[in-house]
N, C-alpha and C. Protein backbone atom coordinates (compact mmCIF):
# COMPACT_ATOMS: atom_id res chain seq x y z
N UNK A 1 4.31 -22.22 -34.83
CA UNK A 1 3.69 -22.29 -33.52
C UNK A 1 4.74 -22.00 -32.45
N UNK A 2 4.38 -21.20 -31.46
CA UNK A 2 5.27 -20.80 -30.38
C UNK A 2 5.26 -21.88 -29.30
N UNK A 3 6.46 -22.34 -28.89
CA UNK A 3 6.50 -23.35 -27.82
C UNK A 3 5.84 -22.82 -26.55
N UNK A 4 5.20 -23.71 -25.81
CA UNK A 4 4.48 -23.32 -24.59
C UNK A 4 5.39 -22.67 -23.55
N UNK A 5 6.62 -23.12 -23.45
CA UNK A 5 7.55 -22.55 -22.47
C UNK A 5 7.79 -21.08 -22.78
N UNK A 6 8.02 -20.77 -24.05
CA UNK A 6 8.25 -19.39 -24.45
C UNK A 6 7.00 -18.56 -24.18
N UNK A 7 5.85 -19.11 -24.50
CA UNK A 7 4.59 -18.41 -24.27
C UNK A 7 4.38 -18.12 -22.79
N UNK A 8 4.68 -19.08 -21.91
CA UNK A 8 4.54 -18.87 -20.46
C UNK A 8 5.49 -17.78 -19.97
N UNK A 9 6.70 -17.77 -20.45
CA UNK A 9 7.67 -16.75 -20.05
C UNK A 9 7.19 -15.37 -20.50
N UNK A 10 6.73 -15.29 -21.74
CA UNK A 10 6.24 -14.02 -22.26
C UNK A 10 5.03 -13.55 -21.44
N UNK A 11 4.12 -14.45 -21.11
CA UNK A 11 2.94 -14.06 -20.33
C UNK A 11 3.30 -13.63 -18.91
N UNK A 12 4.40 -14.12 -18.37
CA UNK A 12 4.85 -13.69 -17.04
C UNK A 12 5.57 -12.35 -17.09
N UNK A 13 6.39 -12.16 -18.09
CA UNK A 13 7.22 -10.96 -18.19
C UNK A 13 6.46 -9.78 -18.77
N UNK A 14 5.61 -10.02 -19.73
CA UNK A 14 4.91 -8.94 -20.43
C UNK A 14 4.11 -8.04 -19.49
N UNK A 15 3.31 -8.56 -18.55
CA UNK A 15 2.58 -7.65 -17.65
C UNK A 15 3.51 -6.75 -16.84
N UNK A 16 4.66 -7.26 -16.43
CA UNK A 16 5.60 -6.43 -15.68
C UNK A 16 6.18 -5.32 -16.55
N UNK A 17 6.48 -5.65 -17.79
CA UNK A 17 7.01 -4.65 -18.70
C UNK A 17 5.98 -3.58 -19.01
N UNK A 18 4.73 -4.00 -19.22
CA UNK A 18 3.66 -3.05 -19.48
C UNK A 18 3.45 -2.15 -18.27
N UNK A 19 3.44 -2.73 -17.07
CA UNK A 19 3.27 -1.94 -15.85
C UNK A 19 4.42 -0.95 -15.68
N UNK A 20 5.63 -1.41 -15.90
CA UNK A 20 6.78 -0.51 -15.78
C UNK A 20 6.68 0.63 -16.78
N UNK A 21 6.27 0.34 -17.99
CA UNK A 21 6.11 1.38 -19.00
C UNK A 21 5.01 2.36 -18.61
N UNK A 22 3.89 1.83 -18.12
CA UNK A 22 2.79 2.68 -17.66
C UNK A 22 3.22 3.52 -16.48
N UNK A 23 3.89 2.89 -15.54
CA UNK A 23 4.31 3.56 -14.31
C UNK A 23 5.30 4.67 -14.59
N UNK A 24 6.14 4.48 -15.58
CA UNK A 24 7.18 5.46 -15.86
C UNK A 24 6.90 6.35 -17.07
N UNK A 25 5.77 6.14 -17.73
CA UNK A 25 5.50 6.89 -18.96
C UNK A 25 5.50 8.39 -18.74
N UNK A 26 4.95 8.82 -17.61
CA UNK A 26 4.95 10.26 -17.36
C UNK A 26 6.34 10.78 -17.04
N UNK A 27 7.27 9.86 -16.73
CA UNK A 27 8.65 10.28 -16.43
C UNK A 27 9.49 10.41 -17.70
N UNK A 28 9.02 9.87 -18.79
CA UNK A 28 9.84 9.81 -20.00
C UNK A 28 9.51 10.90 -21.01
N UNK A 29 8.68 11.88 -20.61
CA UNK A 29 8.28 12.90 -21.56
C UNK A 29 9.41 13.84 -21.95
N UNK A 30 10.46 13.90 -21.17
CA UNK A 30 11.61 14.75 -21.50
C UNK A 30 12.88 14.02 -21.10
N UNK A 31 13.97 14.30 -21.79
CA UNK A 31 15.21 13.60 -21.49
C UNK A 31 15.84 14.08 -20.20
N UNK A 32 15.69 15.33 -19.88
CA UNK A 32 16.42 15.90 -18.76
C UNK A 32 15.52 16.16 -17.55
N UNK A 33 14.71 15.19 -17.19
CA UNK A 33 13.88 15.34 -16.00
C UNK A 33 14.76 15.36 -14.77
N UNK A 34 14.42 16.21 -13.84
CA UNK A 34 15.19 16.18 -12.61
C UNK A 34 14.62 15.14 -11.65
N UNK A 35 15.35 14.87 -10.61
CA UNK A 35 14.99 13.83 -9.65
C UNK A 35 13.59 14.04 -9.08
N UNK A 36 13.22 15.27 -8.77
CA UNK A 36 11.93 15.51 -8.13
C UNK A 36 10.76 15.50 -9.11
N UNK A 37 11.01 15.71 -10.38
CA UNK A 37 9.96 15.50 -11.37
C UNK A 37 9.63 14.01 -11.46
N UNK A 38 10.65 13.18 -11.40
CA UNK A 38 10.45 11.72 -11.43
C UNK A 38 9.73 11.28 -10.16
N UNK A 39 10.17 11.78 -9.01
CA UNK A 39 9.51 11.40 -7.75
C UNK A 39 8.06 11.86 -7.71
N UNK A 40 7.78 13.03 -8.27
CA UNK A 40 6.39 13.51 -8.34
C UNK A 40 5.54 12.57 -9.19
N UNK A 41 6.09 12.11 -10.30
CA UNK A 41 5.36 11.16 -11.16
C UNK A 41 5.11 9.85 -10.41
N UNK A 42 6.09 9.39 -9.64
CA UNK A 42 5.89 8.19 -8.84
C UNK A 42 4.77 8.39 -7.82
N UNK A 43 4.77 9.51 -7.11
CA UNK A 43 3.72 9.76 -6.12
C UNK A 43 2.34 9.72 -6.77
N UNK A 44 2.20 10.35 -7.92
CA UNK A 44 0.94 10.32 -8.65
C UNK A 44 0.55 8.88 -9.01
N UNK A 45 1.52 8.13 -9.49
CA UNK A 45 1.23 6.75 -9.90
C UNK A 45 1.00 5.83 -8.71
N UNK A 46 1.62 6.08 -7.57
CA UNK A 46 1.32 5.26 -6.38
C UNK A 46 -0.17 5.33 -6.07
N UNK A 47 -0.78 6.48 -6.26
CA UNK A 47 -2.21 6.63 -5.97
C UNK A 47 -3.05 5.65 -6.79
N UNK A 48 -2.60 5.33 -7.98
CA UNK A 48 -3.32 4.41 -8.85
C UNK A 48 -3.23 2.96 -8.39
N UNK A 49 -2.19 2.63 -7.61
CA UNK A 49 -1.92 1.24 -7.29
C UNK A 49 -1.96 0.94 -5.79
N UNK A 50 -2.59 1.82 -5.03
CA UNK A 50 -2.77 1.60 -3.59
C UNK A 50 -4.26 1.71 -3.30
N UNK A 51 -4.76 0.80 -2.47
CA UNK A 51 -6.16 0.87 -2.03
C UNK A 51 -6.17 1.25 -0.56
N UNK A 52 -6.96 2.28 -0.25
CA UNK A 52 -7.13 2.72 1.13
C UNK A 52 -8.41 2.11 1.68
N UNK A 53 -8.49 1.94 2.99
CA UNK A 53 -9.73 1.40 3.58
C UNK A 53 -10.92 2.31 3.26
N UNK A 54 -12.11 1.73 3.27
CA UNK A 54 -13.33 2.46 2.90
C UNK A 54 -13.57 3.72 3.70
N UNK A 55 -13.19 3.76 4.97
CA UNK A 55 -13.46 4.92 5.82
C UNK A 55 -12.44 6.05 5.62
N UNK A 56 -11.51 5.90 4.69
CA UNK A 56 -10.48 6.91 4.46
C UNK A 56 -11.08 8.23 3.99
N UNK A 57 -12.07 8.15 3.12
CA UNK A 57 -12.70 9.35 2.58
C UNK A 57 -14.08 9.53 3.20
N UNK A 58 -14.40 10.78 3.52
CA UNK A 58 -15.72 11.06 4.11
C UNK A 58 -16.82 10.98 3.06
N UNK A 59 -16.50 11.32 1.81
CA UNK A 59 -17.51 11.26 0.74
C UNK A 59 -16.83 10.87 -0.57
N UNK A 60 -17.66 10.58 -1.55
CA UNK A 60 -17.15 10.21 -2.88
C UNK A 60 -16.49 11.37 -3.60
N UNK A 61 -16.72 12.57 -3.12
CA UNK A 61 -16.19 13.77 -3.77
C UNK A 61 -14.89 14.27 -3.14
N UNK A 62 -14.50 13.71 -1.99
CA UNK A 62 -13.26 14.14 -1.34
C UNK A 62 -12.08 13.92 -2.28
N UNK A 63 -11.17 14.90 -2.36
CA UNK A 63 -10.00 14.73 -3.22
C UNK A 63 -9.00 13.74 -2.61
N UNK A 64 -8.16 13.22 -3.44
CA UNK A 64 -7.03 12.42 -2.96
C UNK A 64 -5.94 13.44 -2.65
N UNK A 65 -5.56 13.49 -1.39
CA UNK A 65 -4.67 14.55 -0.92
C UNK A 65 -3.24 14.03 -0.77
N UNK A 66 -2.31 14.68 -1.44
CA UNK A 66 -0.88 14.39 -1.31
C UNK A 66 -0.28 15.53 -0.50
N UNK A 67 0.35 15.19 0.62
CA UNK A 67 0.91 16.21 1.50
C UNK A 67 2.42 16.06 1.57
N UNK A 68 3.10 17.18 1.73
CA UNK A 68 4.55 17.20 1.89
C UNK A 68 4.83 17.77 3.27
N UNK A 69 5.45 16.95 4.12
CA UNK A 69 5.81 17.37 5.48
C UNK A 69 7.27 17.78 5.49
N UNK A 70 7.53 19.01 5.89
CA UNK A 70 8.90 19.54 5.90
C UNK A 70 9.15 20.39 4.68
N UNK A 71 10.43 20.63 4.41
CA UNK A 71 10.80 21.45 3.25
C UNK A 71 10.36 20.76 1.96
N UNK A 72 9.70 21.50 1.10
CA UNK A 72 9.17 20.95 -0.15
C UNK A 72 10.25 20.97 -1.23
N UNK A 73 10.80 19.79 -1.58
CA UNK A 73 11.86 19.75 -2.60
C UNK A 73 11.32 19.71 -4.03
N UNK A 74 10.00 19.65 -4.19
CA UNK A 74 9.41 19.45 -5.51
C UNK A 74 9.30 20.72 -6.35
N UNK A 75 9.35 21.89 -5.70
CA UNK A 75 9.07 23.11 -6.46
C UNK A 75 7.64 23.01 -6.98
N UNK A 76 7.44 23.25 -8.25
CA UNK A 76 6.09 23.14 -8.82
C UNK A 76 5.83 21.76 -9.43
N UNK A 77 6.82 20.87 -9.41
CA UNK A 77 6.70 19.57 -10.09
C UNK A 77 5.52 18.73 -9.64
N UNK A 78 5.31 18.63 -8.34
CA UNK A 78 4.23 17.78 -7.82
C UNK A 78 2.87 18.35 -8.22
N UNK A 79 2.70 19.64 -8.04
CA UNK A 79 1.43 20.28 -8.40
C UNK A 79 1.20 20.18 -9.92
N UNK A 80 2.24 20.40 -10.70
CA UNK A 80 2.12 20.30 -12.16
C UNK A 80 1.74 18.87 -12.58
N UNK A 81 2.29 17.88 -11.89
CA UNK A 81 2.04 16.48 -12.24
C UNK A 81 0.58 16.09 -12.03
N UNK A 82 -0.04 16.55 -10.94
CA UNK A 82 -1.41 16.14 -10.62
C UNK A 82 -2.47 17.13 -11.09
N UNK A 83 -2.05 18.31 -11.53
CA UNK A 83 -2.99 19.35 -11.94
C UNK A 83 -3.95 18.84 -13.02
N UNK A 84 -5.24 18.95 -12.74
CA UNK A 84 -6.26 18.56 -13.71
C UNK A 84 -6.51 17.07 -13.82
N UNK A 85 -5.82 16.28 -13.03
CA UNK A 85 -5.99 14.82 -13.10
C UNK A 85 -6.95 14.35 -12.02
N UNK A 86 -7.58 13.21 -12.27
CA UNK A 86 -8.46 12.62 -11.28
C UNK A 86 -8.28 11.11 -11.30
N UNK A 87 -8.75 10.49 -10.25
CA UNK A 87 -8.67 9.04 -10.12
C UNK A 87 -9.97 8.56 -9.49
N UNK A 88 -10.69 7.72 -10.21
CA UNK A 88 -11.97 7.19 -9.74
C UNK A 88 -12.90 8.34 -9.32
N UNK A 89 -12.89 9.41 -10.10
CA UNK A 89 -13.76 10.55 -9.83
C UNK A 89 -13.25 11.50 -8.77
N UNK A 90 -12.09 11.24 -8.21
CA UNK A 90 -11.51 12.11 -7.19
C UNK A 90 -10.43 12.97 -7.82
N UNK A 91 -10.50 14.26 -7.55
CA UNK A 91 -9.44 15.15 -7.99
C UNK A 91 -8.26 14.97 -7.03
N UNK A 92 -7.15 15.55 -7.38
CA UNK A 92 -5.96 15.53 -6.53
C UNK A 92 -5.78 16.91 -5.92
N UNK A 93 -5.27 16.93 -4.70
CA UNK A 93 -4.84 18.20 -4.11
C UNK A 93 -3.48 17.98 -3.47
N UNK A 94 -2.70 19.03 -3.43
CA UNK A 94 -1.36 18.98 -2.84
C UNK A 94 -1.31 20.02 -1.73
N UNK A 95 -0.76 19.61 -0.58
CA UNK A 95 -0.64 20.54 0.55
C UNK A 95 0.74 20.41 1.17
N UNK A 96 1.32 21.54 1.52
CA UNK A 96 2.56 21.56 2.30
C UNK A 96 2.15 21.68 3.76
N UNK A 97 2.66 20.78 4.60
CA UNK A 97 2.33 20.84 6.02
C UNK A 97 3.61 20.89 6.84
N UNK A 98 3.52 21.48 8.01
CA UNK A 98 4.70 21.65 8.86
C UNK A 98 4.63 20.79 10.11
N UNK A 99 3.45 20.23 10.39
CA UNK A 99 3.25 19.52 11.65
C UNK A 99 2.38 18.29 11.42
N UNK A 100 2.64 17.18 12.12
CA UNK A 100 1.81 15.99 11.98
C UNK A 100 0.33 16.23 12.30
N UNK A 101 0.03 17.26 13.07
CA UNK A 101 -1.37 17.58 13.38
C UNK A 101 -2.15 17.92 12.12
N UNK A 102 -1.46 18.31 11.06
CA UNK A 102 -2.10 18.64 9.79
C UNK A 102 -2.23 17.42 8.86
N UNK A 103 -1.70 16.27 9.28
CA UNK A 103 -1.66 15.09 8.42
C UNK A 103 -2.98 14.35 8.26
N UNK A 104 -3.88 14.34 9.25
CA UNK A 104 -5.15 13.64 9.01
C UNK A 104 -5.83 14.19 7.76
N UNK A 105 -6.28 13.30 6.91
CA UNK A 105 -6.86 13.71 5.64
C UNK A 105 -5.88 13.62 4.48
N UNK A 106 -4.61 13.33 4.77
CA UNK A 106 -3.63 13.11 3.71
C UNK A 106 -3.61 11.62 3.38
N UNK A 107 -3.81 11.28 2.13
CA UNK A 107 -3.74 9.87 1.75
C UNK A 107 -2.30 9.47 1.43
N UNK A 108 -1.52 10.38 0.86
CA UNK A 108 -0.11 10.15 0.61
C UNK A 108 0.65 11.25 1.34
N UNK A 109 1.58 10.85 2.17
CA UNK A 109 2.35 11.81 2.95
C UNK A 109 3.83 11.63 2.63
N UNK A 110 4.39 12.60 1.90
CA UNK A 110 5.81 12.60 1.60
C UNK A 110 6.51 13.30 2.75
N UNK A 111 7.42 12.59 3.42
CA UNK A 111 8.18 13.15 4.52
C UNK A 111 9.55 13.52 3.98
N UNK A 112 9.79 14.82 3.88
CA UNK A 112 11.01 15.35 3.30
C UNK A 112 12.25 14.93 4.10
N UNK A 113 13.37 14.87 3.41
CA UNK A 113 14.62 14.53 4.10
C UNK A 113 15.00 15.59 5.12
N UNK A 114 14.40 16.78 5.04
CA UNK A 114 14.65 17.81 6.06
C UNK A 114 14.16 17.38 7.44
N UNK A 115 13.33 16.34 7.47
CA UNK A 115 12.76 15.86 8.73
C UNK A 115 13.50 14.63 9.27
N UNK A 116 14.69 14.34 8.75
CA UNK A 116 15.39 13.11 9.13
C UNK A 116 15.70 13.03 10.62
N UNK A 117 15.90 14.14 11.28
CA UNK A 117 16.23 14.11 12.72
C UNK A 117 15.05 13.66 13.57
N UNK A 118 13.85 13.96 13.12
CA UNK A 118 12.67 13.56 13.90
C UNK A 118 11.86 12.46 13.22
N UNK A 119 12.51 11.75 12.30
CA UNK A 119 11.83 10.72 11.51
C UNK A 119 11.22 9.63 12.39
N UNK A 120 11.96 9.13 13.35
CA UNK A 120 11.46 8.05 14.19
C UNK A 120 10.18 8.46 14.92
N UNK A 121 10.19 9.65 15.51
CA UNK A 121 8.99 10.10 16.23
C UNK A 121 7.84 10.40 15.26
N UNK A 122 8.15 10.91 14.08
CA UNK A 122 7.09 11.16 13.09
C UNK A 122 6.40 9.86 12.68
N UNK A 123 7.20 8.85 12.37
CA UNK A 123 6.62 7.60 11.90
C UNK A 123 5.86 6.87 12.99
N UNK A 124 6.14 7.18 14.24
CA UNK A 124 5.40 6.57 15.36
C UNK A 124 4.14 7.37 15.71
N UNK A 125 3.96 8.53 15.11
CA UNK A 125 2.84 9.41 15.43
C UNK A 125 1.54 8.83 14.87
N UNK A 126 0.59 8.60 15.73
CA UNK A 126 -0.70 8.00 15.34
C UNK A 126 -1.50 8.87 14.38
N UNK A 127 -1.21 10.16 14.33
CA UNK A 127 -1.95 11.05 13.43
C UNK A 127 -1.62 10.78 11.96
N UNK A 128 -0.56 10.02 11.71
CA UNK A 128 -0.21 9.67 10.33
C UNK A 128 -0.89 8.38 9.88
N UNK A 129 -1.61 7.74 10.79
CA UNK A 129 -2.27 6.46 10.48
C UNK A 129 -3.17 6.60 9.26
N UNK A 130 -3.09 5.65 8.38
CA UNK A 130 -3.93 5.64 7.19
C UNK A 130 -3.31 6.31 5.98
N UNK A 131 -2.21 7.03 6.17
CA UNK A 131 -1.54 7.68 5.04
C UNK A 131 -0.44 6.77 4.53
N UNK A 132 -0.27 6.74 3.23
CA UNK A 132 0.88 6.06 2.63
C UNK A 132 2.07 6.97 2.87
N UNK A 133 2.96 6.57 3.77
CA UNK A 133 4.12 7.40 4.10
C UNK A 133 5.25 7.11 3.11
N UNK A 134 5.76 8.17 2.52
CA UNK A 134 6.80 8.07 1.50
C UNK A 134 7.94 8.99 1.91
N UNK A 135 9.16 8.50 1.81
CA UNK A 135 10.31 9.31 2.17
C UNK A 135 11.47 9.11 1.24
N UNK A 136 12.60 9.68 1.64
CA UNK A 136 13.82 9.58 0.84
C UNK A 136 15.04 9.60 1.75
N UNK A 137 14.87 9.14 2.98
CA UNK A 137 15.96 9.15 3.95
C UNK A 137 16.47 7.74 4.18
N UNK A 138 17.77 7.61 4.44
CA UNK A 138 18.31 6.29 4.76
C UNK A 138 17.58 5.74 5.97
N UNK A 139 17.19 4.47 5.89
CA UNK A 139 16.53 3.81 7.00
C UNK A 139 15.05 4.14 7.13
N UNK A 140 14.49 4.84 6.16
CA UNK A 140 13.08 5.24 6.24
C UNK A 140 12.16 4.03 6.42
N UNK A 141 12.31 3.02 5.59
CA UNK A 141 11.45 1.84 5.70
C UNK A 141 11.77 1.03 6.95
N UNK A 142 13.03 0.95 7.31
CA UNK A 142 13.41 0.20 8.52
C UNK A 142 12.80 0.81 9.77
N UNK A 143 12.53 2.11 9.74
CA UNK A 143 11.93 2.79 10.89
C UNK A 143 10.41 2.78 10.86
N UNK A 144 9.83 2.17 9.84
CA UNK A 144 8.38 2.06 9.78
C UNK A 144 7.72 2.83 8.66
N UNK A 145 8.50 3.54 7.84
CA UNK A 145 7.93 4.20 6.66
C UNK A 145 7.52 3.15 5.64
N UNK A 146 6.64 3.50 4.73
CA UNK A 146 6.10 2.52 3.78
C UNK A 146 6.83 2.47 2.45
N UNK A 147 7.17 3.61 1.89
CA UNK A 147 7.85 3.66 0.59
C UNK A 147 9.04 4.61 0.73
N UNK A 148 10.19 4.17 0.25
CA UNK A 148 11.38 5.01 0.31
C UNK A 148 12.01 5.11 -1.07
N UNK A 149 12.23 6.34 -1.51
CA UNK A 149 12.93 6.57 -2.76
C UNK A 149 14.43 6.46 -2.54
N UNK A 150 15.10 5.87 -3.52
CA UNK A 150 16.56 5.79 -3.53
C UNK A 150 17.01 6.13 -4.94
N UNK A 151 18.15 6.79 -5.04
CA UNK A 151 18.72 7.04 -6.35
C UNK A 151 19.87 6.06 -6.51
N UNK A 152 19.74 5.18 -7.51
CA UNK A 152 20.73 4.13 -7.75
C UNK A 152 21.16 4.20 -9.20
N UNK A 153 22.43 4.41 -9.43
CA UNK A 153 22.94 4.49 -10.80
C UNK A 153 22.31 5.61 -11.59
N UNK A 154 21.99 6.71 -10.92
CA UNK A 154 21.40 7.84 -11.60
C UNK A 154 19.90 7.71 -11.86
N UNK A 155 19.29 6.64 -11.35
CA UNK A 155 17.86 6.42 -11.56
C UNK A 155 17.14 6.37 -10.22
N UNK A 156 15.90 6.83 -10.23
CA UNK A 156 15.09 6.78 -9.02
C UNK A 156 14.47 5.39 -8.92
N UNK A 157 14.72 4.74 -7.79
CA UNK A 157 14.12 3.43 -7.49
C UNK A 157 13.39 3.57 -6.16
N UNK A 158 12.69 2.54 -5.76
CA UNK A 158 12.00 2.62 -4.49
C UNK A 158 11.94 1.26 -3.81
N UNK A 159 11.81 1.33 -2.49
CA UNK A 159 11.62 0.14 -1.69
C UNK A 159 10.30 0.30 -0.95
N UNK A 160 9.67 -0.83 -0.63
CA UNK A 160 8.38 -0.80 0.06
C UNK A 160 8.43 -1.69 1.29
N UNK A 161 8.00 -1.13 2.41
CA UNK A 161 7.87 -1.87 3.66
C UNK A 161 6.45 -2.43 3.68
N UNK A 162 6.32 -3.69 3.28
CA UNK A 162 5.00 -4.30 3.16
C UNK A 162 4.33 -4.49 4.53
N UNK A 163 5.13 -4.66 5.59
CA UNK A 163 4.55 -4.81 6.92
C UNK A 163 3.90 -3.51 7.38
N UNK A 164 4.57 -2.38 7.15
CA UNK A 164 4.01 -1.08 7.55
C UNK A 164 2.74 -0.78 6.76
N UNK A 165 2.72 -1.08 5.48
CA UNK A 165 1.53 -0.85 4.67
C UNK A 165 0.38 -1.72 5.15
N UNK A 166 0.66 -2.98 5.43
CA UNK A 166 -0.39 -3.89 5.90
C UNK A 166 -0.93 -3.44 7.25
N UNK A 167 -0.08 -2.98 8.15
CA UNK A 167 -0.52 -2.53 9.46
C UNK A 167 -1.46 -1.32 9.33
N UNK A 168 -1.25 -0.50 8.31
CA UNK A 168 -2.11 0.66 8.06
C UNK A 168 -3.33 0.30 7.23
N UNK A 169 -3.52 -0.98 6.93
CA UNK A 169 -4.63 -1.48 6.12
C UNK A 169 -4.62 -0.93 4.70
N UNK A 170 -3.42 -0.67 4.18
CA UNK A 170 -3.27 -0.24 2.80
C UNK A 170 -2.89 -1.46 1.96
N UNK A 171 -3.53 -1.58 0.82
CA UNK A 171 -3.22 -2.68 -0.08
C UNK A 171 -2.44 -2.13 -1.27
N UNK A 172 -1.21 -2.60 -1.41
CA UNK A 172 -0.36 -2.18 -2.52
C UNK A 172 -0.46 -3.26 -3.60
N UNK A 173 -0.76 -2.85 -4.81
CA UNK A 173 -0.92 -3.78 -5.93
C UNK A 173 0.35 -4.61 -6.10
N UNK A 174 0.20 -5.92 -6.26
CA UNK A 174 1.38 -6.78 -6.46
C UNK A 174 2.25 -6.39 -7.65
N UNK A 175 1.66 -5.75 -8.64
CA UNK A 175 2.45 -5.32 -9.79
C UNK A 175 3.47 -4.25 -9.38
N UNK A 176 3.08 -3.38 -8.46
CA UNK A 176 4.01 -2.36 -7.96
C UNK A 176 5.07 -3.04 -7.10
N UNK A 177 4.63 -3.98 -6.29
CA UNK A 177 5.59 -4.70 -5.44
C UNK A 177 6.66 -5.39 -6.29
N UNK A 178 6.28 -5.85 -7.48
CA UNK A 178 7.26 -6.52 -8.34
C UNK A 178 8.33 -5.56 -8.86
N UNK A 179 8.07 -4.25 -8.80
CA UNK A 179 9.03 -3.25 -9.26
C UNK A 179 9.89 -2.71 -8.12
N UNK A 180 9.54 -3.07 -6.89
CA UNK A 180 10.21 -2.50 -5.73
C UNK A 180 11.12 -3.50 -5.05
N UNK A 181 12.03 -2.97 -4.25
CA UNK A 181 12.78 -3.80 -3.31
C UNK A 181 11.87 -3.93 -2.09
N UNK A 182 11.60 -5.13 -1.66
CA UNK A 182 10.71 -5.37 -0.53
C UNK A 182 11.49 -5.34 0.77
N UNK A 183 10.97 -4.57 1.73
CA UNK A 183 11.58 -4.46 3.05
C UNK A 183 10.53 -4.97 4.03
N UNK A 184 10.97 -5.77 4.97
CA UNK A 184 10.06 -6.25 6.01
C UNK A 184 10.58 -5.72 7.33
N UNK A 185 9.84 -4.78 7.87
CA UNK A 185 10.21 -4.20 9.16
C UNK A 185 8.93 -3.75 9.84
N UNK A 186 8.64 -4.34 10.96
CA UNK A 186 7.44 -3.97 11.70
C UNK A 186 7.59 -2.53 12.22
N UNK A 187 6.54 -1.73 12.03
CA UNK A 187 6.60 -0.36 12.55
C UNK A 187 6.70 -0.36 14.06
N UNK A 188 7.40 0.63 14.61
CA UNK A 188 7.56 0.79 16.05
C UNK A 188 6.23 1.26 16.63
N UNK A 189 5.90 0.78 17.81
CA UNK A 189 4.65 1.21 18.47
C UNK A 189 4.95 2.18 19.55
């Protein structure tokens, strides 16, 4: 018979391990994945663990749109990752955009590091409201971004600004939060 203490520890740790394996399974298909293949897999998986408000989509058939603002560092990786996949009956689409005016209708908005000079004004732009903003620039979450990729020890990790997500009425699954570094920084108005 397994002692109750061991059983409780296993029941607490096991869901996190399963989630981490699920979250990273698409990243482990090859040994030599590049950084942006891993980030593309994360963007796809974020869609599975974020809830958008009901008014986000005009219809049940609208695709879940992932947009890249600025220079696209993904090459074909992001499109290859979501190609042919769906979530709750919604297909995925990927769009490269050059201006925040094109952001309405994007559920996930990756802001490229090429936009670091105008990051503060971008994150304050009301046209980005409702999108899960994801970046890879130092201070991204501190300036009001929601998810920031960091490369630590050769691995892609991420931090989440829970205040910015809550202000946008996005619900991030606690299982994802358990894998992230939590940042608390109120978005600038």
